[in-house]
Amino acid sequence: MSAQDADIFNHLTLAPADPILGTALLYKADKDKNKINLGIGAYRDDNEKPYVFQSVRKVTDILNEETKTGKLNKEYLGVDGLAEFTKLSS
């Protein structure tokens, strides 16, 4: 891109910082050893590694197995969602 082409963007201003990502940056900058990051919705262990709950691992295994056997697939649901779930939840 030439300098002249870049000039067409000079009138633009930066969008405001994303508040959720800003929370993550503040968390990283905080030096308190007892801090807990609840902003992003991802859990981490004491070594800052992602923590996956056993229940999530179990469901993932079930879904993977049902996909292998053809009981489930990776298609998107229609706008009405999963009919059985909709019926049971209403």
PDB file of N, CA and C in Angstrom:
ATOM      1  N   MET A   1       0.855  -1.174   0.000  1.00  0.00           N
ATOM      2  CA  MET A   1       0.000   0.000   0.000  1.00  0.00           C
ATOM      3  C   MET A   1       0.897   1.231   0.000  1.00  0.00           C
ATOM      4  N   SER A   2       0.589   2.140  -0.840  1.00  0.00           N
ATOM      5  CA  SER A   2       1.397   3.362  -0.916  1.00  0.00           C
ATOM      6  C   SER A   2       0.964   4.332   0.181  1.00  0.00           C
ATOM      7  N   ALA A   3       1.784   5.341   0.420  1.00  0.00           N
ATOM      8  CA  ALA A   3       1.464   6.360   1.417  1.00  0.00           C
ATOM      9  C   ALA A   3       0.186   7.082   1.041  1.00  0.00           C
ATOM     10  N   GLN A   4      -0.015   7.286  -0.252  1.00  0.00           N
ATOM     11  CA  GLN A   4      -1.223   7.970  -0.713  1.00  0.00           C
ATOM     12  C   GLN A   4      -2.460   7.121  -0.405  1.00  0.00           C
ATOM     13  N   ASP A   5      -2.353   5.808  -0.599  1.00  0.00           N
ATOM     14  CA  ASP A   5      -3.479   4.923  -0.285  1.00  0.00           C
ATOM     15  C   ASP A   5      -3.789   4.937   1.207  1.00  0.00           C
ATOM     16  N   ALA A   6      -2.747   5.011   2.035  1.00  0.00           N
ATOM     17  CA  ALA A   6      -2.947   5.011   3.482  1.00  0.00           C
ATOM     18  C   ALA A   6      -3.667   6.269   3.939  1.00  0.00           C
ATOM     19  N   ASP A   7      -3.534   7.357   3.221  1.00  0.00           N
ATOM     20  CA  ASP A   7      -4.179   8.616   3.594  1.00  0.00           C
ATOM     21  C   ASP A   7      -5.696   8.504   3.643  1.00  0.00           C
ATOM     22  N   ILE A   8      -6.275   7.594   2.903  1.00  0.00           N
ATOM     23  CA  ILE A   8      -7.737   7.480   2.908  1.00  0.00           C
ATOM     24  C   ILE A   8      -8.261   7.010   4.260  1.00  0.00           C
ATOM     25  N   PHE A   9      -7.378   6.495   5.122  1.00  0.00           N
ATOM     26  CA  PHE A   9      -7.797   6.021   6.431  1.00  0.00           C
ATOM     27  C   PHE A   9      -7.489   7.019   7.545  1.00  0.00           C
ATOM     28  N   ASN A  10      -6.878   8.130   7.236  1.00  0.00           N
ATOM     29  CA  ASN A  10      -6.463   9.097   8.256  1.00  0.00           C
ATOM     30  C   ASN A  10      -7.622   9.653   9.074  1.00  0.00           C
ATOM     31  N   HIS A  11      -8.802   9.729   8.510  1.00  0.00           N
ATOM     32  CA  HIS A  11      -9.937  10.314   9.221  1.00  0.00           C
ATOM     33  C   HIS A  11     -10.571   9.342  10.226  1.00  0.00           C
ATOM     34  N   LEU A  12     -10.159   8.085  10.170  1.00  0.00           N
ATOM     35  CA  LEU A  12     -10.740   7.085  11.062  1.00  0.00           C
ATOM     36  C   LEU A  12     -10.123   7.164  12.450  1.00  0.00           C
ATOM     37  N   THR A  13     -10.928   6.876  13.461  1.00  0.00           N
ATOM     38  CA  THR A  13     -10.432   6.813  14.833  1.00  0.00           C
ATOM     39  C   THR A  13     -10.541   5.370  15.319  1.00  0.00           C
ATOM     40  N   LEU A  14      -9.723   5.026  16.287  1.00  0.00           N
ATOM     41  CA  LEU A  14      -9.766   3.680  16.836  1.00  0.00           C
ATOM     42  C   LEU A  14     -11.072   3.464  17.602  1.00  0.00           C
ATOM     43  N   ALA A  15     -11.592   2.274  17.497  1.00  0.00           N
ATOM     44  CA  ALA A  15     -12.771   1.907  18.279  1.00  0.00           C
ATOM     45  C   ALA A  15     -12.361   1.818  19.747  1.00  0.00           C
ATOM     46  N   PRO A  16     -13.323   1.992  20.662  1.00  0.00           N
ATOM     47  CA  PRO A  16     -12.963   1.874  22.080  1.00  0.00           C
ATOM     48  C   PRO A  16     -12.493   0.456  22.397  1.00  0.00           C
ATOM     49  N   ALA A  17     -11.664   0.342  23.406  1.00  0.00           N
ATOM     50  CA  ALA A  17     -11.161  -0.968  23.818  1.00  0.00           C
ATOM     51  C   ALA A  17     -12.315  -1.859  24.260  1.00  0.00           C
ATOM     52  N   ASP A  18     -12.222  -3.123  23.942  1.00  0.00           N
ATOM     53  CA  ASP A  18     -13.237  -4.091  24.354  1.00  0.00           C
ATOM     54  C   ASP A  18     -13.175  -4.243  25.873  1.00  0.00           C
ATOM     55  N   PRO A  19     -14.292  -4.036  26.594  1.00  0.00           N
ATOM     56  CA  PRO A  19     -14.243  -4.085  28.058  1.00  0.00           C
ATOM     57  C   PRO A  19     -13.884  -5.458  28.610  1.00  0.00           C
ATOM     58  N   ILE A  20     -14.293  -6.518  27.939  1.00  0.00           N
ATOM     59  CA  ILE A  20     -13.978  -7.856  28.445  1.00  0.00           C
ATOM     60  C   ILE A  20     -12.495  -8.149  28.256  1.00  0.00           C
ATOM     61  N   LEU A  21     -11.964  -7.835  27.082  1.00  0.00           N
ATOM     62  CA  LEU A  21     -10.536  -8.042  26.869  1.00  0.00           C
ATOM     63  C   LEU A  21      -9.716  -7.116  27.753  1.00  0.00           C
ATOM     64  N   GLY A  22     -10.239  -5.927  28.021  1.00  0.00           N
ATOM     65  CA  GLY A  22      -9.571  -5.006  28.939  1.00  0.00           C
ATOM     66  C   GLY A  22      -9.456  -5.596  30.331  1.00  0.00           C
ATOM     67  N   THR A  23     -10.486  -6.336  30.750  1.00  0.00           N
ATOM     68  CA  THR A  23     -10.456  -7.013  32.045  1.00  0.00           C
ATOM     69  C   THR A  23      -9.322  -8.031  32.078  1.00  0.00           C
ATOM     70  N   ALA A  24      -9.136  -8.760  30.978  1.00  0.00           N
ATOM     71  CA  ALA A  24      -8.058  -9.746  30.914  1.00  0.00           C
ATOM     72  C   ALA A  24      -6.694  -9.066  31.028  1.00  0.00           C
ATOM     73  N   LEU A  25      -6.548  -7.913  30.394  1.00  0.00           N
ATOM     74  CA  LEU A  25      -5.274  -7.188  30.479  1.00  0.00           C
ATOM     75  C   LEU A  25      -5.018  -6.693  31.901  1.00  0.00           C
ATOM     76  N   LEU A  26      -6.052  -6.206  32.551  1.00  0.00           N
ATOM     77  CA  LEU A  26      -5.908  -5.758  33.942  1.00  0.00           C
ATOM     78  C   LEU A  26      -5.529  -6.928  34.846  1.00  0.00           C
ATOM     79  N   TYR A  27      -6.137  -8.087  34.595  1.00  0.00           N
ATOM     80  CA  TYR A  27      -5.815  -9.281  35.378  1.00  0.00           C
ATOM     81  C   TYR A  27      -4.336  -9.636  35.218  1.00  0.00           C
ATOM     82  N   LYS A  28      -3.861  -9.647  33.995  1.00  0.00           N
ATOM     83  CA  LYS A  28      -2.457  -9.990  33.749  1.00  0.00           C
ATOM     84  C   LYS A  28      -1.515  -8.999  34.424  1.00  0.00           C
ATOM     85  N   ALA A  29      -1.896  -7.736  34.474  1.00  0.00           N
ATOM     86  CA  ALA A  29      -1.039  -6.704  35.060  1.00  0.00           C
ATOM     87  C   ALA A  29      -1.053  -6.732  36.588  1.00  0.00           C
ATOM     88  N   ASP A  30      -2.080  -7.313  37.182  1.00  0.00           N
ATOM     89  CA  ASP A  30      -2.209  -7.360  38.642  1.00  0.00           C
ATOM     90  C   ASP A  30      -1.170  -8.324  39.218  1.00  0.00           C
ATOM     91  N   LYS A  31      -0.389  -7.862  40.175  1.00  0.00           N
ATOM     92  CA  LYS A  31       0.678  -8.682  40.762  1.00  0.00           C
ATOM     93  C   LYS A  31       0.229  -9.452  42.005  1.00  0.00           C
ATOM     94  N   ASP A  32      -1.003  -9.284  42.437  1.00  0.00           N
ATOM     95  CA  ASP A  32      -1.493  -9.981  43.625  1.00  0.00           C
ATOM     96  C   ASP A  32      -1.498 -11.489  43.376  1.00  0.00           C
ATOM     97  N   LYS A  33      -0.840 -12.257  44.246  1.00  0.00           N
ATOM     98  CA  LYS A  33      -0.756 -13.704  44.047  1.00  0.00           C
ATOM     99  C   LYS A  33      -2.097 -14.402  44.316  1.00  0.00           C
ATOM    100  N   ASN A  34      -3.031 -13.728  44.944  1.00  0.00           N
ATOM    101  CA  ASN A  34      -4.323 -14.325  45.250  1.00  0.00           C
ATOM    102  C   ASN A  34      -5.415 -13.918  44.269  1.00  0.00           C
ATOM    103  N   LYS A  35      -5.017 -13.310  43.159  1.00  0.00           N
ATOM    104  CA  LYS A  35      -6.010 -12.850  42.188  1.00  0.00           C
ATOM    105  C   LYS A  35      -6.734 -14.038  41.559  1.00  0.00           C
ATOM    106  N   ILE A  36      -7.961 -13.801  41.130  1.00  0.00           N
ATOM    107  CA  ILE A  36      -8.775 -14.813  40.457  1.00  0.00           C
ATOM    108  C   ILE A  36      -9.386 -14.157  39.237  1.00  0.00           C
ATOM    109  N   ASN A  37      -9.203 -14.773  38.089  1.00  0.00           N
ATOM    110  CA  ASN A  37      -9.729 -14.231  36.840  1.00  0.00           C
ATOM    111  C   ASN A  37     -11.116 -14.810  36.584  1.00  0.00           C
ATOM    112  N   LEU A  38     -12.126 -13.979  36.741  1.00  0.00           N
ATOM    113  CA  LEU A  38     -13.499 -14.402  36.479  1.00  0.00           C
ATOM    114  C   LEU A  38     -14.084 -13.671  35.279  1.00  0.00           C
ATOM    115  N   GLY A  39     -13.270 -12.912  34.573  1.00  0.00           N
ATOM    116  CA  GLY A  39     -13.772 -12.066  33.495  1.00  0.00           C
ATOM    117  C   GLY A  39     -14.028 -12.769  32.183  1.00  0.00           C
ATOM    118  N   ILE A  40     -13.230 -13.743  31.813  1.00  0.00           N
ATOM    119  CA  ILE A  40     -13.302 -14.329  30.492  1.00  0.00           C
ATOM    120  C   ILE A  40     -14.225 -15.546  30.452  1.00  0.00           C
ATOM    121  N   GLY A  41     -14.405 -16.218  31.558  1.00  0.00           N
ATOM    122  CA  GLY A  41     -15.246 -17.406  31.566  1.00  0.00           C
ATOM    123  C   GLY A  41     -14.469 -18.672  31.278  1.00  0.00           C
ATOM    124  N   ALA A  42     -13.152 -18.602  31.320  1.00  0.00           N
ATOM    125  CA  ALA A  42     -12.303 -19.782  31.162  1.00  0.00           C
ATOM    126  C   ALA A  42     -11.625 -20.036  32.496  1.00  0.00           C
ATOM    127  N   TYR A  43     -11.563 -21.272  32.892  1.00  0.00           N
ATOM    128  CA  TYR A  43     -10.960 -21.615  34.167  1.00  0.00           C
ATOM    129  C   TYR A  43      -9.515 -22.031  33.961  1.00  0.00           C
ATOM    130  N   ARG A  44      -8.665 -21.676  34.932  1.00  0.00           N
ATOM    131  CA  ARG A  44      -7.248 -22.024  34.862  1.00  0.00           C
ATOM    132  C   ARG A  44      -6.820 -22.607  36.198  1.00  0.00           C
ATOM    133  N   ASP A  45      -5.805 -23.466  36.132  1.00  0.00           N
ATOM    134  CA  ASP A  45      -5.283 -24.059  37.352  1.00  0.00           C
ATOM    135  C   ASP A  45      -4.254 -23.118  37.995  1.00  0.00           C
ATOM    136  N   ASP A  46      -3.604 -23.589  39.045  1.00  0.00           N
ATOM    137  CA  ASP A  46      -2.628 -22.757  39.758  1.00  0.00           C
ATOM    138  C   ASP A  46      -1.417 -22.407  38.913  1.00  0.00           C
ATOM    139  N   ASN A  47      -1.216 -23.120  37.809  1.00  0.00           N
ATOM    140  CA  ASN A  47      -0.101 -22.845  36.898  1.00  0.00           C
ATOM    141  C   ASN A  47      -0.544 -22.042  35.693  1.00  0.00           C
ATOM    142  N   GLU A  48      -1.745 -21.458  35.765  1.00  0.00           N
ATOM    143  CA  GLU A  48      -2.305 -20.639  34.681  1.00  0.00           C
ATOM    144  C   GLU A  48      -2.588 -21.435  33.406  1.00  0.00           C
ATOM    145  N   LYS A  49      -2.709 -22.749  33.530  1.00  0.00           N
ATOM    146  CA  LYS A  49      -3.052 -23.596  32.389  1.00  0.00           C
ATOM    147  C   LYS A  49      -4.565 -23.768  32.349  1.00  0.00           C
ATOM    148  N   PRO A  50      -5.146 -23.868  31.159  1.00  0.00           N
ATOM    149  CA  PRO A  50      -6.598 -24.061  31.076  1.00  0.00           C
ATOM    150  C   PRO A  50      -7.028 -25.307  31.855  1.00  0.00           C
ATOM    151  N   TYR A  51      -8.117 -25.171  32.591  1.00  0.00           N
ATOM    152  CA  TYR A  51      -8.659 -26.280  33.370  1.00  0.00           C
ATOM    153  C   TYR A  51      -9.984 -26.703  32.744  1.00  0.00           C
ATOM    154  N   VAL A  52     -10.085 -27.962  32.397  1.00  0.00           N
ATOM    155  CA  VAL A  52     -11.315 -28.487  31.812  1.00  0.00           C
ATOM    156  C   VAL A  52     -11.958 -29.399  32.853  1.00  0.00           C
ATOM    157  N   PHE A  53     -13.191 -29.090  33.230  1.00  0.00           N
ATOM    158  CA  PHE A  53     -13.884 -29.892  34.224  1.00  0.00           C
ATOM    159  C   PHE A  53     -14.107 -31.311  33.723  1.00  0.00           C
ATOM    160  N   GLN A  54     -14.090 -32.268  34.654  1.00  0.00           N
ATOM    161  CA  GLN A  54     -14.295 -33.669  34.309  1.00  0.00           C
ATOM    162  C   GLN A  54     -15.631 -33.867  33.591  1.00  0.00           C
ATOM    163  N   SER A  55     -16.659 -33.140  34.003  1.00  0.00           N
ATOM    164  CA  SER A  55     -17.972 -33.279  33.355  1.00  0.00           C
ATOM    165  C   SER A  55     -17.911 -32.847  31.889  1.00  0.00           C
ATOM    166  N   VAL A  56     -17.113 -31.815  31.598  1.00  0.00           N
ATOM    167  CA  VAL A  56     -16.960 -31.355  30.216  1.00  0.00           C
ATOM    168  C   VAL A  56     -16.191 -32.396  29.408  1.00  0.00           C
ATOM    169  N   ARG A  57     -15.163 -32.986  30.001  1.00  0.00           N
ATOM    170  CA  ARG A  57     -14.413 -34.046  29.319  1.00  0.00           C
ATOM    171  C   ARG A  57     -15.321 -35.232  28.995  1.00  0.00           C
ATOM    172  N   LYS A  58     -16.178 -35.593  29.957  1.00  0.00           N
ATOM    173  CA  LYS A  58     -17.077 -36.743  29.760  1.00  0.00           C
ATOM    174  C   LYS A  58     -18.053 -36.477  28.617  1.00  0.00           C
ATOM    175  N   VAL A  59     -18.661 -35.302  28.626  1.00  0.00           N
ATOM    176  CA  VAL A  59     -19.612 -34.965  27.561  1.00  0.00           C
ATOM    177  C   VAL A  59     -18.910 -34.904  26.210  1.00  0.00           C
ATOM    178  N   THR A  60     -17.696 -34.364  26.179  1.00  0.00           N
ATOM    179  CA  THR A  60     -16.931 -34.315  24.935  1.00  0.00           C
ATOM    180  C   THR A  60     -16.686 -35.721  24.405  1.00  0.00           C
ATOM    181  N   ASP A  61     -16.329 -36.643  25.294  1.00  0.00           N
ATOM    182  CA  ASP A  61     -16.115 -38.034  24.886  1.00  0.00           C
ATOM    183  C   ASP A  61     -17.396 -38.646  24.324  1.00  0.00           C
ATOM    184  N   ILE A  62     -18.515 -38.382  24.993  1.00  0.00           N
ATOM    185  CA  ILE A  62     -19.806 -38.914  24.527  1.00  0.00           C
ATOM    186  C   ILE A  62     -20.144 -38.357  23.146  1.00  0.00           C
ATOM    187  N   LEU A  63     -19.991 -37.045  22.980  1.00  0.00           N
ATOM    188  CA  LEU A  63     -20.299 -36.427  21.691  1.00  0.00           C
ATOM    189  C   LEU A  63     -19.383 -36.939  20.586  1.00  0.00           C
ATOM    190  N   ASN A  64     -18.097 -37.114  20.904  1.00  0.00           N
ATOM    191  CA  ASN A  64     -17.171 -37.649  19.906  1.00  0.00           C
ATOM    192  C   ASN A  64     -17.559 -39.066  19.500  1.00  0.00           C
ATOM    193  N   GLU A  65     -17.928 -39.884  20.468  1.00  0.00           N
ATOM    194  CA  GLU A  65     -18.327 -41.261  20.168  1.00  0.00           C
ATOM    195  C   GLU A  65     -19.610 -41.291  19.336  1.00  0.00           C
ATOM    196  N   GLU A  66     -20.578 -40.455  19.703  1.00  0.00           N
ATOM    197  CA  GLU A  66     -21.841 -40.417  18.957  1.00  0.00           C
ATOM    198  C   GLU A  66     -21.639 -39.872  17.545  1.00  0.00           C
ATOM    199  N   THR A  67     -20.641 -39.023  17.368  1.00  0.00           N
ATOM    200  CA  THR A  67     -20.324 -38.531  16.027  1.00  0.00           C
ATOM    201  C   THR A  67     -19.679 -39.650  15.203  1.00  0.00           C
ATOM    202  N   LYS A  68     -18.779 -40.418  15.827  1.00  0.00           N
ATOM    203  CA  LYS A  68     -18.126 -41.533  15.129  1.00  0.00           C
ATOM    204  C   LYS A  68     -19.136 -42.574  14.668  1.00  0.00           C
ATOM    205  N   THR A  69     -20.132 -42.854  15.500  1.00  0.00           N
ATOM    206  CA  THR A  69     -21.105 -43.901  15.179  1.00  0.00           C
ATOM    207  C   THR A  69     -22.214 -43.406  14.258  1.00  0.00           C
ATOM    208  N   GLY A  70     -22.247 -42.105  13.989  1.00  0.00           N
ATOM    209  CA  GLY A  70     -23.262 -41.556  13.095  1.00  0.00           C
ATOM    210  C   GLY A  70     -24.540 -41.125  13.796  1.00  0.00           C
ATOM    211  N   LYS A  71     -24.591 -41.273  15.123  1.00  0.00           N
ATOM    212  CA  LYS A  71     -25.789 -40.834  15.860  1.00  0.00           C
ATOM    213  C   LYS A  71     -25.917 -39.313  15.824  1.00  0.00           C
ATOM    214  N   LEU A  72     -24.784 -38.628  15.844  1.00  0.00           N
ATOM    215  CA  LEU A  72     -24.746 -37.171  15.740  1.00  0.00           C
ATOM    216  C   LEU A  72     -23.884 -36.774  14.552  1.00  0.00           C
ATOM    217  N   ASN A  73     -24.032 -35.538  14.118  1.00  0.00           N
ATOM    218  CA  ASN A  73     -23.148 -35.009  13.087  1.00  0.00           C
ATOM    219  C   ASN A  73     -22.800 -33.568  13.442  1.00  0.00           C
ATOM    220  N   LYS A  74     -22.039 -32.935  12.621  1.00  0.00           N
ATOM    221  CA  LYS A  74     -21.586 -31.572  12.907  1.00  0.00           C
ATOM    222  C   LYS A  74     -22.370 -30.524  12.127  1.00  0.00           C
ATOM    223  N   GLU A  75     -23.542 -30.882  11.654  1.00  0.00           N
ATOM    224  CA  GLU A  75     -24.375 -29.923  10.932  1.00  0.00           C
ATOM    225  C   GLU A  75     -24.964 -28.897  11.909  1.00  0.00           C
ATOM    226  N   TYR A  76     -25.166 -27.691  11.406  1.00  0.00           N
ATOM    227  CA  TYR A  76     -25.847 -26.676  12.206  1.00  0.00           C
ATOM    228  C   TYR A  76     -27.323 -27.023  12.315  1.00  0.00           C
ATOM    229  N   LEU A  77     -27.904 -26.679  13.448  1.00  0.00           N
ATOM    230  CA  LEU A  77     -29.337 -26.857  13.614  1.00  0.00           C
ATOM    231  C   LEU A  77     -30.073 -25.757  12.860  1.00  0.00           C
ATOM    232  N   GLY A  78     -31.314 -26.016  12.533  1.00  0.00           N
ATOM    233  CA  GLY A  78     -32.143 -24.987  11.922  1.00  0.00           C
ATOM    234  C   GLY A  78     -32.498 -23.910  12.939  1.00  0.00           C
ATOM    235  N   VAL A  79     -33.207 -22.899  12.499  1.00  0.00           N
ATOM    236  CA  VAL A  79     -33.535 -21.784  13.390  1.00  0.00           C
ATOM    237  C   VAL A  79     -34.417 -22.212  14.556  1.00  0.00           C
ATOM    238  N   ASP A  80     -35.117 -23.309  14.410  1.00  0.00           N
ATOM    239  CA  ASP A  80     -35.967 -23.800  15.497  1.00  0.00           C
ATOM    240  C   ASP A  80     -35.189 -24.576  16.552  1.00  0.00           C
ATOM    241  N   GLY A  81     -33.924 -24.842  16.313  1.00  0.00           N
ATOM    242  CA  GLY A  81     -33.109 -25.569  17.274  1.00  0.00           C
ATOM    243  C   GLY A  81     -33.379 -27.060  17.231  1.00  0.00           C
ATOM    244  N   LEU A  82     -32.992 -27.733  18.279  1.00  0.00           N
ATOM    245  CA  LEU A  82     -33.175 -29.174  18.406  1.00  0.00           C
ATOM    246  C   LEU A  82     -34.596 -29.442  18.890  1.00  0.00           C
ATOM    247  N   ALA A  83     -35.396 -30.073  18.067  1.00  0.00           N
ATOM    248  CA  ALA A  83     -36.835 -30.249  18.349  1.00  0.00           C
ATOM    249  C   ALA A  83     -37.068 -30.935  19.694  1.00  0.00           C
ATOM    250  N   GLU A  84     -36.325 -31.994  19.983  1.00  0.00           N
ATOM    251  CA  GLU A  84     -36.508 -32.720  21.241  1.00  0.00           C
ATOM    252  C   GLU A  84     -36.203 -31.825  22.446  1.00  0.00           C
ATOM    253  N   PHE A  85     -35.141 -31.035  22.354  1.00  0.00           N
ATOM    254  CA  PHE A  85     -34.793 -30.121  23.443  1.00  0.00           C
ATOM    255  C   PHE A  85     -35.880 -29.058  23.612  1.00  0.00           C
ATOM    256  N   THR A  86     -36.322 -28.473  22.500  1.00  0.00           N
ATOM    257  CA  THR A  86     -37.349 -27.435  22.555  1.00  0.00           C
ATOM    258  C   THR A  86     -38.610 -27.967  23.201  1.00  0.00           C
ATOM    259  N   LYS A  87     -39.012 -29.170  22.825  1.00  0.00           N
ATOM    260  CA  LYS A  87     -40.228 -29.785  23.383  1.00  0.00           C
ATOM    261  C   LYS A  87     -40.070 -30.012  24.886  1.00  0.00           C
ATOM    262  N   LEU A  88     -38.961 -30.591  25.304  1.00  0.00           N
ATOM    263  CA  LEU A  88     -38.748 -30.901  26.718  1.00  0.00           C
ATOM    264  C   LEU A  88     -38.551 -29.640  27.559  1.00  0.00           C
ATOM    265  N   SER A  89     -37.956 -28.603  26.996  1.00  0.00           N
ATOM    266  CA  SER A  89     -37.709 -27.400  27.789  1.00  0.00           C
ATOM    267  C   SER A  89     -38.923 -26.489  27.884  1.00  0.00           C
ATOM    268  N   SER A  90     -39.887 -26.681  27.004  1.00  0.00           N
ATOM    269  CA  SER A  90     -41.093 -25.845  27.106  1.00  0.00           C
ATOM    270  C   SER A  90     -42.126 -26.547  27.936  1.00  0.00           C
TER     271      SER A  90
END
